[in-house]
Protein backbone atom coordinates (compact mmCIF):
# COMPACT_ATOMS: atom_id res chain seq x y z
CA UNK A 1 -118.51 -82.74 -80.67
CA UNK A 2 -118.18 -79.10 -79.58
CA UNK A 3 -120.97 -76.82 -80.82
CA UNK A 4 -120.16 -77.97 -83.35
CA UNK A 5 -117.64 -77.75 -86.09
CA UNK A 6 -119.24 -74.36 -86.90
CA UNK A 7 -120.17 -73.79 -90.53
CA UNK A 8 -120.26 -69.98 -90.60
CA UNK A 9 -116.87 -68.42 -91.15
CA UNK A 10 -115.61 -66.53 -88.09
CA UNK A 11 -112.67 -64.19 -87.83
CA UNK A 12 -109.73 -66.09 -86.39
CA UNK A 13 -108.63 -64.90 -82.94
CA UNK A 14 -104.91 -65.43 -82.54
CA UNK A 15 -103.35 -64.27 -79.27
CA UNK A 16 -100.21 -64.92 -77.22
CA UNK A 17 -100.50 -66.78 -73.90
CA UNK A 18 -103.85 -68.27 -74.87
CA UNK A 19 -105.31 -71.78 -74.44
CA UNK A 20 -107.03 -73.30 -77.49
CA UNK A 21 -109.08 -76.36 -78.29
CA UNK A 22 -108.36 -77.02 -81.97
CA UNK A 23 -110.17 -79.63 -84.06
CA UNK A 24 -110.60 -80.48 -87.72
CA UNK A 25 -112.38 -83.08 -89.87
CA UNK A 26 -111.43 -84.72 -93.13
CA UNK A 27 -112.89 -83.39 -96.39
CA UNK A 28 -115.56 -86.07 -96.88
CA UNK A 29 -117.37 -88.63 -94.79
CA UNK A 30 -119.21 -90.58 -97.53
CA UNK A 31 -116.67 -93.30 -98.19
CA UNK A 32 -114.69 -95.65 -95.99
CA UNK A 33 -111.46 -94.16 -97.30
CA UNK A 34 -112.39 -90.62 -96.20
CA UNK A 35 -110.18 -90.85 -93.15
CA UNK A 36 -107.26 -88.86 -91.83
CA UNK A 37 -105.46 -91.80 -90.23
CA UNK A 38 -105.47 -95.30 -91.71
CA UNK A 39 -103.26 -96.91 -89.07
CA UNK A 40 -100.82 -96.31 -86.22
CA UNK A 41 -98.08 -95.29 -88.64
CA UNK A 42 -100.20 -92.38 -89.87
CA UNK A 43 -101.05 -91.33 -86.33
CA UNK A 44 -97.43 -91.46 -85.21
CA UNK A 45 -96.39 -89.37 -88.21
CA UNK A 46 -99.01 -86.75 -87.33
CA UNK A 47 -97.68 -86.63 -83.76
CA UNK A 48 -94.14 -86.31 -85.10
CA UNK A 49 -95.25 -83.16 -86.89
CA UNK A 50 -97.05 -81.94 -83.76
CA UNK A 51 -93.77 -82.30 -81.88
CA UNK A 52 -91.74 -80.58 -84.60
CA UNK A 53 -93.97 -77.57 -85.07
CA UNK A 54 -94.99 -77.08 -81.45
CA UNK A 55 -91.27 -76.70 -80.75
CA UNK A 56 -90.74 -74.30 -83.64
CA UNK A 57 -93.72 -72.13 -82.68
CA UNK A 58 -93.32 -72.51 -78.91
CA UNK A 59 -96.72 -74.10 -78.22
CA UNK A 60 -97.46 -76.18 -75.15
CA UNK A 61 -99.43 -79.31 -75.98
CA UNK A 62 -101.71 -80.22 -73.04
CA UNK A 63 -103.73 -83.04 -74.64
CA UNK A 64 -104.60 -84.69 -77.93
CA UNK A 65 -106.86 -87.32 -79.41
CA UNK A 66 -106.62 -88.68 -82.96
CA UNK A 67 -109.74 -90.31 -84.38
CA UNK A 68 -110.05 -91.84 -87.84
CA UNK A 69 -111.83 -88.84 -89.40
CA UNK A 70 -110.77 -85.96 -87.13
CA UNK A 71 -108.42 -84.86 -84.38
CA UNK A 72 -108.47 -82.73 -81.23
CA UNK A 73 -105.59 -80.72 -79.76
CA UNK A 74 -105.48 -78.76 -76.51
CA UNK A 75 -102.61 -76.36 -76.93
CA UNK A 76 -101.36 -73.10 -75.46
CA UNK A 77 -99.51 -70.29 -77.19
CA UNK A 78 -96.65 -68.56 -75.43
CA UNK A 79 -95.20 -65.22 -76.49
CA UNK A 80 -96.14 -65.62 -80.17
CA UNK A 81 -99.57 -65.22 -81.75
CA UNK A 82 -98.99 -67.78 -84.50
CA UNK A 83 -101.78 -70.35 -84.23
CA UNK A 84 -102.78 -70.07 -87.90
CA UNK A 85 -99.24 -70.54 -89.18
CA UNK A 86 -98.62 -73.43 -86.77
CA UNK A 87 -101.73 -75.24 -87.98
CA UNK A 88 -101.01 -74.46 -91.63
CA UNK A 89 -97.55 -76.01 -91.33
CA UNK A 90 -98.86 -79.02 -89.41
CA UNK A 91 -101.74 -79.83 -91.76
CA UNK A 92 -99.74 -79.17 -94.92
CA UNK A 93 -96.86 -81.38 -93.85
CA UNK A 94 -99.15 -84.22 -92.81
CA UNK A 95 -101.30 -83.98 -95.95
CA UNK A 96 -98.20 -84.19 -98.18
CA UNK A 97 -97.04 -87.28 -96.27
CA UNK A 98 -100.51 -88.87 -96.31
CA UNK A 99 -101.07 -88.28 -100.02
CA UNK A 100 -97.71 -89.76 -100.93
CA UNK A 101 -98.17 -92.81 -98.74
CA UNK A 102 -101.75 -93.54 -99.83
CA UNK A 103 -101.43 -92.44 -103.47
CA UNK A 104 -104.06 -89.70 -103.34
CA UNK A 105 -104.22 -86.03 -104.29
CA UNK A 106 -105.75 -82.82 -103.00
CA UNK A 107 -106.76 -81.55 -99.60
CA UNK A 108 -107.25 -83.94 -96.71
CA UNK A 109 -108.87 -81.74 -94.06
CA UNK A 110 -111.75 -79.29 -94.36
CA UNK A 111 -110.77 -75.79 -95.48
CA UNK A 112 -110.45 -74.22 -92.04
CA UNK A 113 -109.52 -75.82 -88.78
CA UNK A 114 -111.73 -74.79 -85.88
CA UNK A 115 -110.49 -73.28 -82.65
CA UNK A 116 -112.13 -72.44 -79.34
CA UNK A 117 -110.45 -70.15 -76.84
CA UNK A 118 -110.54 -71.67 -73.35
CA UNK A 119 -110.80 -69.89 -70.01
CA UNK A 120 -107.81 -71.69 -68.57
CA UNK A 121 -108.57 -70.78 -64.97
CA UNK A 122 -112.00 -72.44 -65.01
CA UNK A 123 -112.15 -74.93 -67.90
CA UNK A 124 -108.70 -76.44 -68.52
CA UNK A 125 -109.77 -79.64 -66.78
CA UNK A 126 -113.16 -79.84 -68.48
CA UNK A 127 -111.69 -79.55 -71.98
CA UNK A 128 -108.90 -82.00 -71.15
CA UNK A 129 -111.52 -84.54 -70.03
CA UNK A 130 -113.73 -83.82 -73.04
CA UNK A 131 -110.84 -84.59 -75.42
CA UNK A 132 -109.84 -87.75 -73.58
CA UNK A 133 -113.42 -89.01 -73.60
CA UNK A 134 -113.80 -88.51 -77.35
CA UNK A 135 -113.08 -92.18 -78.26
CA UNK A 136 -115.73 -93.59 -75.90
CA UNK A 137 -118.17 -94.38 -78.71
CA UNK A 138 -115.53 -96.31 -80.64
CA UNK A 139 -113.99 -98.44 -77.88
CA UNK A 140 -115.54 -101.68 -76.69
CA UNK A 141 -116.26 -101.66 -73.84
CA UNK A 142 -116.68 -97.89 -73.56
CA UNK A 143 -113.33 -97.25 -71.90
CA UNK A 144 -111.20 -94.30 -73.05
CA UNK A 145 -108.19 -95.78 -71.24
CA UNK A 146 -107.94 -98.56 -73.83
CA UNK A 147 -107.72 -96.14 -76.76
CA UNK A 148 -104.15 -96.03 -78.03
CA UNK A 149 -104.11 -92.68 -79.80
CA UNK A 150 -104.87 -90.12 -77.15
CA UNK A 151 -102.67 -88.54 -74.51
CA UNK A 152 -104.73 -90.10 -71.70
CA UNK A 153 -102.37 -93.06 -71.34
CA UNK A 154 -99.52 -90.69 -70.49
CA UNK A 155 -101.61 -88.89 -67.89
CA UNK A 156 -102.40 -92.20 -66.21
CA UNK A 157 -99.12 -94.09 -66.56
CA UNK A 158 -96.42 -91.47 -67.15
CA UNK A 159 -93.68 -91.64 -69.76
CA UNK A 160 -94.84 -88.45 -71.47
CA UNK A 161 -93.06 -87.36 -74.67
CA UNK A 162 -91.13 -84.13 -74.19
CA UNK A 163 -93.70 -81.98 -76.00
CA UNK A 164 -96.69 -83.13 -73.89
CA UNK A 165 -97.19 -80.84 -70.90
CA UNK A 166 -99.13 -82.78 -68.26
CA UNK A 167 -97.85 -81.05 -65.15
CA UNK A 168 -100.29 -78.14 -65.06
CA UNK A 169 -103.34 -80.39 -65.35
CA UNK A 170 -102.03 -82.98 -62.89
CA UNK A 171 -101.15 -80.27 -60.36
CA UNK A 172 -104.90 -79.75 -59.88
CA UNK A 173 -104.93 -83.30 -58.46
CA UNK A 174 -101.82 -82.94 -56.35
CA UNK A 175 -99.82 -84.63 -59.07
CA UNK A 176 -101.69 -87.90 -58.50
CA UNK A 177 -102.41 -89.57 -61.82
CA UNK A 178 -105.07 -91.89 -60.42
CA UNK A 179 -107.13 -88.93 -59.20
CA UNK A 180 -107.07 -87.47 -62.69
CA UNK A 181 -108.17 -90.88 -63.98
CA UNK A 182 -111.10 -90.84 -61.55
CA UNK A 183 -112.05 -87.37 -62.80
CA UNK A 184 -112.07 -88.61 -66.41
CA UNK A 185 -114.08 -91.73 -65.52
CA UNK A 186 -116.77 -89.61 -63.87
CA UNK A 187 -117.32 -88.07 -67.28
CA UNK A 188 -118.69 -91.42 -68.47
CA UNK A 189 -121.80 -90.84 -66.35
CA UNK A 190 -121.81 -87.04 -65.91
CA UNK A 191 -122.67 -84.28 -68.37
CA UNK A 192 -119.48 -83.12 -70.13
CA UNK A 193 -120.83 -80.63 -72.69
CA UNK A 194 -118.67 -77.52 -72.90
CA UNK A 195 -120.18 -74.05 -72.28
CA UNK A 196 -119.45 -72.39 -75.64
CA UNK A 197 -120.25 -68.69 -76.10
CA UNK A 198 -120.34 -66.88 -79.46
CA UNK A 199 -119.11 -70.16 -81.00
CA UNK A 200 -115.54 -69.36 -80.04
CA UNK A 201 -115.14 -69.06 -76.24
CA UNK A 202 -115.31 -71.79 -73.60
CA UNK A 203 -115.89 -70.46 -70.10
CA UNK A 204 -118.24 -68.28 -68.11
CA UNK A 205 -120.32 -65.69 -70.03
CA UNK A 206 -118.05 -62.87 -68.87
CA UNK A 207 -115.02 -64.60 -70.39
CA UNK A 208 -115.95 -63.51 -73.93
CA UNK A 209 -116.24 -59.90 -72.78
CA UNK A 210 -112.81 -60.00 -71.17
CA UNK A 211 -111.30 -61.52 -74.31
CA UNK A 212 -112.86 -58.75 -76.42
CA UNK A 213 -111.16 -56.12 -74.28
CA UNK A 214 -107.88 -58.02 -74.56
CA UNK A 215 -108.14 -57.95 -78.35
CA UNK A 216 -108.60 -54.17 -78.29
CA UNK A 217 -105.69 -53.79 -75.88
CA UNK A 218 -103.43 -56.03 -77.95
CA UNK A 219 -104.02 -53.99 -81.10
CA UNK A 220 -103.41 -50.61 -79.43
CA UNK A 221 -100.30 -48.87 -80.72
CA UNK A 222 -97.68 -48.66 -77.99
CA UNK A 223 -99.24 -51.46 -75.91
CA UNK A 224 -97.04 -54.04 -74.20
CA UNK A 225 -98.34 -56.67 -76.62
CA UNK A 226 -97.36 -54.55 -79.62
CA UNK A 227 -93.92 -53.86 -78.13
CA UNK A 228 -93.41 -57.55 -77.42
CA UNK A 229 -94.28 -58.33 -81.04
CA UNK A 230 -91.68 -55.85 -82.31
CA UNK A 231 -89.05 -57.38 -80.02
CA UNK A 232 -89.90 -60.88 -81.24
CA UNK A 233 -89.61 -59.77 -84.86
CA UNK A 234 -86.24 -58.18 -84.11
CA UNK A 235 -84.95 -61.43 -82.58
CA UNK A 236 -86.26 -63.43 -85.52
CA UNK A 237 -84.44 -61.11 -87.91
CA UNK A 238 -81.23 -61.63 -85.95
CA UNK A 239 -81.66 -65.40 -86.16
CA UNK A 240 -82.32 -65.16 -89.88
CA UNK A 241 -79.10 -63.19 -90.32
CA UNK A 242 -77.24 -65.84 -88.33
CA UNK A 243 -78.64 -68.59 -90.58
CA UNK A 244 -77.48 -66.81 -93.72
CA UNK A 245 -74.07 -66.16 -92.13
CA UNK A 246 -73.63 -69.88 -91.40
CA UNK A 247 -74.63 -70.84 -94.94
CA UNK A 248 -72.38 -68.14 -96.40
CA UNK A 249 -69.45 -69.34 -94.28
CA UNK A 250 -69.98 -72.91 -95.46
CA UNK A 251 -69.57 -71.80 -99.09
CA UNK A 252 -67.05 -69.00 -98.43
CA UNK A 253 -69.51 -66.41 -99.73
CA UNK A 254 -70.83 -63.15 -98.32
CA UNK A 255 -74.28 -63.02 -96.74
CA UNK A 256 -75.13 -60.13 -99.04
CA UNK A 257 -74.55 -62.30 -102.09
CA UNK A 258 -77.03 -64.85 -100.74
CA UNK A 259 -79.67 -62.18 -99.99
CA UNK A 260 -79.14 -60.11 -103.12
CA UNK A 261 -82.49 -61.02 -104.70
CA UNK A 262 -80.91 -61.51 -108.10
CA UNK A 263 -81.24 -64.77 -109.98
CA UNK A 264 -78.27 -66.89 -108.94
CA UNK A 265 -76.72 -70.05 -110.30
CA UNK A 266 -73.89 -72.36 -109.31
CA UNK A 267 -72.70 -72.25 -105.70
CA UNK A 268 -74.52 -68.99 -104.95
CA UNK A 269 -77.79 -70.50 -106.16
CA UNK A 270 -77.26 -73.56 -103.97
CA UNK A 271 -76.51 -71.32 -100.99
CA UNK A 272 -79.66 -69.28 -101.58
CA UNK A 273 -81.77 -72.43 -101.75
CA UNK A 274 -80.24 -73.81 -98.55
CA UNK A 275 -80.84 -70.49 -96.77
CA UNK A 276 -84.54 -70.55 -97.70
CA UNK A 277 -84.93 -74.16 -96.55
CA UNK A 278 -83.28 -73.41 -93.21
CA UNK A 279 -85.24 -70.21 -92.69
CA UNK A 280 -88.37 -72.28 -93.18
CA UNK A 281 -87.17 -74.92 -90.72
CA UNK A 282 -85.81 -72.66 -88.00
CA UNK A 283 -88.23 -69.73 -87.95
CA UNK A 284 -92.03 -69.41 -87.68
CA UNK A 285 -92.07 -67.33 -90.85
CA UNK A 286 -94.50 -67.47 -93.73
CA UNK A 287 -93.24 -67.81 -97.30
CA UNK A 288 -93.98 -64.13 -97.76
CA UNK A 289 -91.70 -63.20 -94.85
CA UNK A 290 -88.90 -65.39 -96.20
CA UNK A 291 -89.31 -63.89 -99.66
CA UNK A 292 -89.11 -60.36 -98.24
CA UNK A 293 -85.99 -61.21 -96.24
CA UNK A 294 -84.33 -62.75 -99.29
CA UNK A 295 -85.40 -59.80 -101.47
CA UNK A 296 -87.55 -61.99 -103.71
CA UNK A 297 -90.70 -60.48 -105.20
CA UNK A 298 -92.62 -63.68 -106.00
CA UNK A 299 -93.44 -66.15 -103.22
CA UNK A 300 -93.14 -68.95 -105.77
CA UNK A 301 -89.41 -68.21 -105.85
CA UNK A 302 -89.27 -69.55 -102.29
CA UNK A 303 -91.86 -72.34 -102.40
CA UNK A 304 -90.32 -73.88 -105.49
CA UNK A 305 -86.91 -74.20 -103.84
CA UNK A 306 -88.28 -75.47 -100.52
CA UNK A 307 -90.58 -78.10 -101.99
CA UNK A 308 -87.95 -79.43 -104.42
CA UNK A 309 -85.23 -79.95 -101.80
CA UNK A 310 -85.67 -83.74 -101.74
CA UNK A 311 -84.98 -84.02 -105.46
CA UNK A 312 -81.44 -82.64 -105.42
CA UNK A 313 -78.70 -84.81 -103.89
CA UNK A 314 -76.23 -81.92 -103.79
CA UNK A 315 -78.67 -79.81 -101.78
CA UNK A 316 -79.32 -82.65 -99.35
CA UNK A 317 -75.61 -83.31 -98.81
CA UNK A 318 -74.88 -79.69 -97.95
CA UNK A 319 -78.05 -79.46 -95.87
CA UNK A 320 -77.03 -82.40 -93.68
CA UNK A 321 -73.63 -80.80 -93.02
CA UNK A 322 -74.99 -77.33 -92.26
CA UNK A 323 -77.78 -78.59 -89.97
CA UNK A 324 -75.13 -80.00 -87.63
CA UNK A 325 -73.75 -76.51 -87.10
CA UNK A 326 -76.99 -75.51 -85.35
CA UNK A 327 -76.71 -78.16 -82.61
């Protein structure tokens, strides 16, 4: 394991255009049922959510490995600094599915996921190999290529799912998959420990210093990062308006009626609920951001509608029709 599922709480560093190694364990390890994935169906469902939310939050997925009690992801942010919200959505969605399927309650993963920021220029390959070698202790013989639930098989044989970005790693080997396989196999006999500094950076010692300066720069008023964030928020607001316009048009209502903030019943209430569900699906917004946009004071006014969508046939019928208008 990296050094090593750190226990002391660290301030989360969340930056655009940044490479992360993210990992998390289940709540307990005392019983045989304290696992995150019982079978291939569970693992495929988790990857379905990885695909869904990496698309919504514009993350590149470079590698993954799903073990019974934990998982590893190598992912890269693009223009948005939304790692925490991406992981919150991913883990919440999977936990709800897992609890329903296995008739359990409560949290599944430990309170905070762990993330290491990777110096992409020097350690992309090392972390990719580290993740792909993670199952070695569980496979017999010790061959990571026989493990079904990591991205290694796609690196070696092709057929990658659309959300798995193998090109950048394979380009280091001239695009030759077998050469990457040789690189991974060397890790079976070579030292593969990652150079972790300050329990959050993987790279040369100077990498942490450079990242510290980047954090200061990114928080400076008037910086390019701050301007890019404002532009992104503006575009998200435009998309949110478009969503409400589409819902309003479906019900022959005005967008203002949907966003009025007042308690609404009948068709207007249905339209408001559908707008909140679609805002949640189509935008990387928190419940607080959706509540503010819909002029709702209490976040529970949003969460209640979103979580109860599957219990109302009328909502689901309209939702299926309106979703087609976004394609």
